[in-house]
Each structure stands twice: as C-alpha cells, then as structure tokens.
Amino acid sequence: MSRFALIKAVLGPIMRLMFRPQVEGAEHIPGDGPVILAGNHLTFIDSMILPLVCDRQVFFIGKDEYVTGKGFKGRAMAWFFTGVGMIPVDRDGGRGGVAALMTGRRILEEGKVFGIYPEGTRSPDGRLYRGRTGIARLTLMTGAPVVPFAMIGTDKIQPGGAGMPRPRKVTVRFGEAMEFSRYEGMDRDRYVLRAVTDSVMAEVMQLSGQEYVDMYASKAKEAA
C-alpha cells in the first residue's frame, strides 16, 4: 500500500467524521491523463481536504517550511504533506515562481493531477481575488485541461488560518473541465494569459459564490 493510500485509509474516515465533506461534480475530473485542479484558497486546511476527497492523487506546491519543522509535530506534518502529494518549493522571489511553474509542468507531463490556487495565497477576508497567470501558462504549455473547484465552508473550520480545526460541514464543488487548445503556442502572450486566467477565476467564482475583487490577494494583505 502506498503512503497516499494509507493516509486516505487512516485519515479519510476521521476527516469525514469531523467535516462531513459534501463533494459535488467529482465526475468532471478525468480518470487518467494530466489535469489541473484550480480553485479558491480560504484556509490552511484546504490543502488537507482536497487530496482526501479526490480519487486520484493530487500533487501540489507547498511552502518548504511545511516539511522542515522540528520535533514530532514537524516530522508528522512532513510525513503527511509529502504523502498526500505536496512538493516543497522555496517560492520566495522570482526563482521560486519559476521553480513552482516548472514543477507543475513536470507533474502534468507525467500525466498526473496538479492542484493550484491561482490567487497565490489565502484570501485575507473570504472574498475571491485576482488570479495569477501561472495557471494559464501551465495549461497552454502542457495542453492539460483545467477543472475549476471551490472550497466552501473551510474558513469556518479554521478562522484566520490558525488554531485547531473545528468540526464543521464543508463542500468541495468541481466544475466542468475547461480546455484552451485554441491558444496553443501562445503561452507568452500576456493578453492571452490574462484572458485564460480570468475565465478560470470566473468559473471558480460561480462555483464558490464568493464576491470577486479585481486585485491580488497579496496586495490586499500588504494594504491591511
């Protein structure tokens, strides 16, 4: 049994008991081949729930600090996150962004599932913020379809992104797959990248019901 299968077998029932996740639209995720899951990001626990509600293993980029902690807690977090598919990358600075993009490309070219939060960081206030164009570059470079998704209610489990999770019901809603083959070879056209990204975020907004803010979440956090 793989570590991913073991984690799902052990923690899956506990997570279902605590959060009673209602999963909608999972049939939109292709059973094989590369696919990008792109959704909103409300709180830290999103990255724990998403892999456990998908039949296929979801690989995603995470902060390297999640796997470098000390003591039992640090080792347990590293074991869990690398087991469910997190790939640690130092995302600070320009090189971090390139490393994350190339890692996503490699995962997709291997025919796997890559999960991404186009906002780039957790929402500071529960609203949906402008997506960064890495999602568009990935789908145009690899031809992988994009399945938008929405995490609903996870901000009530862990308000502010800190502290012990509270037992609450959550919903994970997947939309229909989106493909952008008409833009093949245009992954360096910034207008195309923005149009593709905005179309994905529009679908996420429809799925989540969030208010949309046309600015980056990181800028909103700086201004707070």
Protein backbone atom coordinates (compact mmCIF):
# COMPACT_ATOMS: atom_id res chain seq x y z
CA MET A 1 0.00 0.00 0.00
CA SER A 2 1.34 3.44 -0.94
CA ARG A 3 1.70 6.15 1.69
CA PHE A 4 -1.07 8.11 -0.05
CA ALA A 5 -3.43 5.11 0.13
CA LEU A 6 -2.50 4.57 3.77
CA ILE A 7 -3.20 8.20 4.67
CA LYS A 8 -6.58 8.08 2.93
CA ALA A 9 -7.47 4.80 4.65
CA VAL A 10 -6.49 6.08 8.11
CA LEU A 11 -7.37 9.78 8.00
CA GLY A 12 -10.19 9.66 5.48
CA PRO A 13 -12.82 8.36 7.95
CA ILE A 14 -11.65 10.85 10.61
CA MET A 15 -11.88 13.77 8.17
CA ARG A 16 -15.31 12.65 7.00
CA LEU A 17 -16.50 12.44 10.60
CA MET A 18 -15.15 15.90 11.50
CA PHE A 19 -16.00 17.82 8.35
CA ARG A 20 -18.71 15.72 6.62
CA PRO A 21 -17.45 16.86 3.21
CA GLN A 22 -20.07 17.06 0.51
CA VAL A 23 -18.36 16.52 -2.83
CA GLU A 24 -20.12 17.76 -5.94
CA GLY A 25 -19.04 17.30 -9.55
CA ALA A 26 -16.17 14.86 -8.93
CA GLU A 27 -17.12 13.16 -12.20
CA HIS A 28 -15.64 16.14 -14.04
CA ILE A 29 -12.12 15.05 -13.03
CA PRO A 30 -10.75 12.80 -15.83
CA GLY A 31 -9.93 9.29 -14.72
CA ASP A 32 -6.49 9.42 -16.31
CA GLY A 33 -4.12 11.80 -18.04
CA PRO A 34 -2.90 15.23 -16.98
CA VAL A 35 -5.36 17.64 -15.38
CA ILE A 36 -5.07 20.90 -13.45
CA LEU A 37 -7.37 21.45 -10.47
CA ALA A 38 -7.67 25.22 -9.92
CA GLY A 39 -9.63 26.69 -7.04
CA ASN A 40 -10.06 29.22 -4.29
CA HIS A 41 -7.99 29.21 -1.12
CA LEU A 42 -9.65 30.12 2.17
CA THR A 43 -7.52 28.49 4.81
CA PHE A 44 -4.58 26.18 5.51
CA ILE A 45 -6.78 23.11 5.81
CA ASP A 46 -7.87 23.34 2.14
CA SER A 47 -4.67 21.50 1.24
CA MET A 48 -5.57 18.67 3.61
CA ILE A 49 -9.16 18.24 2.47
CA LEU A 50 -8.68 18.43 -1.32
CA PRO A 51 -6.35 15.40 -1.64
CA LEU A 52 -8.61 13.30 0.57
CA VAL A 53 -11.80 13.89 -1.46
CA CYS A 54 -10.23 13.07 -4.85
CA ASP A 55 -9.91 9.51 -6.14
CA ARG A 56 -6.68 10.37 -7.94
CA GLN A 57 -3.66 11.62 -6.07
CA VAL A 58 -3.32 15.40 -6.32
CA PHE A 59 0.17 16.87 -6.45
CA PHE A 60 0.61 20.48 -5.41
CA ILE A 61 3.26 23.02 -4.48
CA GLY A 62 3.67 23.87 -0.81
CA LYS A 63 5.93 26.03 1.30
CA ASP A 64 9.13 24.24 2.19
CA GLU A 65 8.55 25.24 5.83
CA TYR A 66 5.78 22.62 5.96
CA VAL A 67 8.38 19.86 5.77
CA THR A 68 11.27 21.39 7.70
CA GLY A 69 9.67 21.65 11.13
CA LYS A 70 11.39 20.21 14.19
CA GLY A 71 10.19 17.66 16.69
CA PHE A 72 7.30 15.21 16.43
CA LYS A 73 4.87 17.80 15.03
CA GLY A 74 7.32 18.83 12.31
CA ARG A 75 8.02 15.24 11.29
CA ALA A 76 4.30 14.38 11.30
CA MET A 77 3.47 17.35 9.06
CA ALA A 78 6.28 16.45 6.65
CA TRP A 79 5.11 12.81 6.52
CA PHE A 80 1.51 13.82 5.86
CA PHE A 81 2.05 16.53 3.28
CA THR A 82 4.66 14.71 1.22
CA GLY A 83 2.49 11.60 1.46
CA VAL A 84 -0.62 13.26 0.02
CA GLY A 85 1.34 14.84 -2.81
CA MET A 86 2.85 18.12 -1.67
CA ILE A 87 6.11 19.07 -3.33
CA PRO A 88 8.04 21.59 -1.22
CA VAL A 89 9.42 24.59 -3.09
CA ASP A 90 11.01 27.78 -1.82
CA ARG A 91 8.61 30.21 -3.50
CA ASP A 92 10.24 33.45 -2.38
CA GLY A 93 11.47 35.71 -5.18
CA GLY A 94 11.42 35.26 -8.94
CA ARG A 95 13.29 31.96 -8.90
CA GLY A 96 10.66 30.47 -6.61
CA GLY A 97 7.92 31.27 -9.10
CA VAL A 98 9.86 29.68 -11.94
CA ALA A 99 10.61 26.58 -9.84
CA ALA A 100 6.92 26.19 -8.98
CA LEU A 101 5.92 26.56 -12.64
CA MET A 102 8.46 24.04 -13.85
CA THR A 103 7.49 21.59 -11.13
CA GLY A 104 3.84 21.85 -12.17
CA ARG A 105 4.79 21.33 -15.80
CA ARG A 106 6.78 18.20 -14.95
CA ILE A 107 3.89 16.72 -12.97
CA LEU A 108 1.46 17.32 -15.83
CA GLU A 109 3.82 15.93 -18.44
CA GLU A 110 3.93 12.76 -16.33
CA GLY A 111 0.14 12.50 -16.77
CA LYS A 112 -0.72 13.35 -13.16
CA VAL A 113 -3.10 15.72 -11.36
CA PHE A 114 -1.74 19.11 -10.34
CA GLY A 115 -3.63 21.27 -7.85
CA ILE A 116 -3.16 25.03 -7.78
CA TYR A 117 -4.62 28.07 -6.07
CA PRO A 118 -4.40 30.82 -8.72
CA GLU A 119 -4.82 33.56 -6.10
CA GLY A 120 -1.32 32.65 -4.95
CA THR A 121 -2.13 32.92 -1.25
CA ARG A 122 -5.05 32.51 1.14
CA SER A 123 -7.85 35.04 0.88
CA PRO A 124 -7.48 37.63 3.66
CA ASP A 125 -11.24 38.17 4.04
CA GLY A 126 -13.16 35.35 2.39
CA ARG A 127 -13.51 37.11 -0.96
CA LEU A 128 -12.10 35.78 -4.24
CA TYR A 129 -9.09 37.68 -5.56
CA ARG A 130 -7.47 38.10 -8.96
CA GLY A 131 -5.72 35.02 -10.30
CA ARG A 132 -2.05 34.95 -11.22
CA THR A 133 -1.28 33.80 -14.73
CA GLY A 134 0.84 30.75 -13.85
CA ILE A 135 -2.32 28.65 -14.22
CA ALA A 136 -2.71 29.86 -17.83
CA ARG A 137 0.93 29.17 -18.68
CA LEU A 138 0.62 25.62 -17.35
CA THR A 139 -2.47 24.72 -19.36
CA LEU A 140 -1.08 26.30 -22.55
CA MET A 141 2.36 24.70 -22.18
CA THR A 142 1.03 21.20 -21.47
CA GLY A 143 -2.41 21.07 -23.06
CA ALA A 144 -3.83 19.78 -19.76
CA PRO A 145 -7.49 20.64 -19.14
CA VAL A 146 -8.42 22.78 -16.15
CA VAL A 147 -11.09 21.60 -13.71
CA PRO A 148 -12.17 24.55 -11.53
CA PHE A 149 -13.16 23.85 -7.95
CA ALA A 150 -14.45 25.69 -4.90
CA MET A 151 -13.83 25.07 -1.22
CA ILE A 152 -16.91 26.18 0.68
CA GLY A 153 -17.01 26.48 4.47
CA THR A 154 -13.37 25.72 5.22
CA ASP A 155 -12.89 29.26 6.56
CA LYS A 156 -15.37 28.37 9.31
CA ILE A 157 -13.28 25.33 10.26
CA GLN A 158 -10.12 27.34 10.81
CA PRO A 159 -10.89 31.08 11.06
CA GLY A 160 -7.83 33.16 10.30
CA GLY A 161 -5.95 30.08 9.13
CA ALA A 162 -4.64 29.24 12.60
CA GLY A 163 -5.56 27.18 15.65
CA MET A 164 -7.16 23.76 15.93
CA PRO A 165 -9.73 22.92 13.23
CA ARG A 166 -13.35 22.98 14.37
CA PRO A 167 -15.75 20.22 13.29
CA ARG A 168 -17.91 21.80 10.57
CA LYS A 169 -19.54 20.65 7.37
CA VAL A 170 -17.71 21.65 4.18
CA THR A 171 -18.42 21.39 0.48
CA VAL A 172 -15.95 20.78 -2.32
CA ARG A 173 -17.54 21.62 -5.67
CA PHE A 174 -15.92 20.79 -9.02
CA GLY A 175 -16.96 22.37 -12.31
CA GLU A 176 -16.77 21.11 -15.87
CA ALA A 177 -13.32 20.73 -17.42
CA MET A 178 -12.07 23.71 -19.41
CA GLU A 179 -9.66 23.38 -22.34
CA PHE A 180 -7.74 26.10 -24.12
CA SER A 181 -6.27 24.36 -27.18
CA ARG A 182 -7.33 27.33 -29.32
CA TYR A 183 -4.49 29.27 -27.68
CA GLU A 184 -1.81 26.66 -28.34
CA GLY A 185 1.64 28.21 -28.72
CA MET A 186 0.56 31.50 -27.12
CA ASP A 187 1.86 30.87 -23.61
CA ARG A 188 3.99 34.03 -23.77
CA ASP A 189 1.21 36.37 -24.87
CA ARG A 190 0.30 38.31 -21.73
CA TYR A 191 -3.15 39.23 -23.03
CA VAL A 192 -3.97 35.59 -23.70
CA LEU A 193 -2.57 34.56 -20.31
CA ARG A 194 -4.76 37.12 -18.57
CA ALA A 195 -7.86 36.12 -20.55
CA VAL A 196 -7.38 32.41 -19.76
CA THR A 197 -6.74 33.12 -16.08
CA ASP A 198 -9.77 35.39 -15.78
CA SER A 199 -12.02 32.78 -17.41
CA VAL A 200 -10.88 30.17 -14.88
CA MET A 201 -11.45 32.57 -11.97
CA ALA A 202 -14.92 33.39 -13.30
CA GLU A 203 -15.79 29.69 -13.08
CA VAL A 204 -14.36 29.46 -9.56
CA MET A 205 -16.47 32.47 -8.57
CA GLN A 206 -19.62 30.83 -9.94
CA LEU A 207 -18.86 27.61 -8.06
CA SER A 208 -17.97 29.30 -4.76
CA GLY A 209 -20.47 32.17 -4.72
CA GLN A 210 -17.72 34.48 -3.46
CA GLU A 211 -17.55 38.19 -4.11
CA TYR A 212 -14.78 38.91 -6.63
CA VAL A 213 -12.09 41.54 -6.05
CA ASP A 214 -10.02 42.62 -9.07
CA MET A 215 -6.71 42.88 -7.23
CA TYR A 216 -4.13 40.41 -5.99
CA ALA A 217 -4.68 38.96 -2.52
CA SER A 218 -1.05 39.65 -1.64
CA LYS A 219 -1.60 43.37 -2.33
CA ALA A 220 -4.72 43.35 -0.15
CA LYS A 221 -2.72 41.82 2.70
CA GLU A 222 0.00 44.45 2.33
CA ALA A 223 -2.57 47.23 2.44
CA ALA A 224 -4.32 45.86 5.54
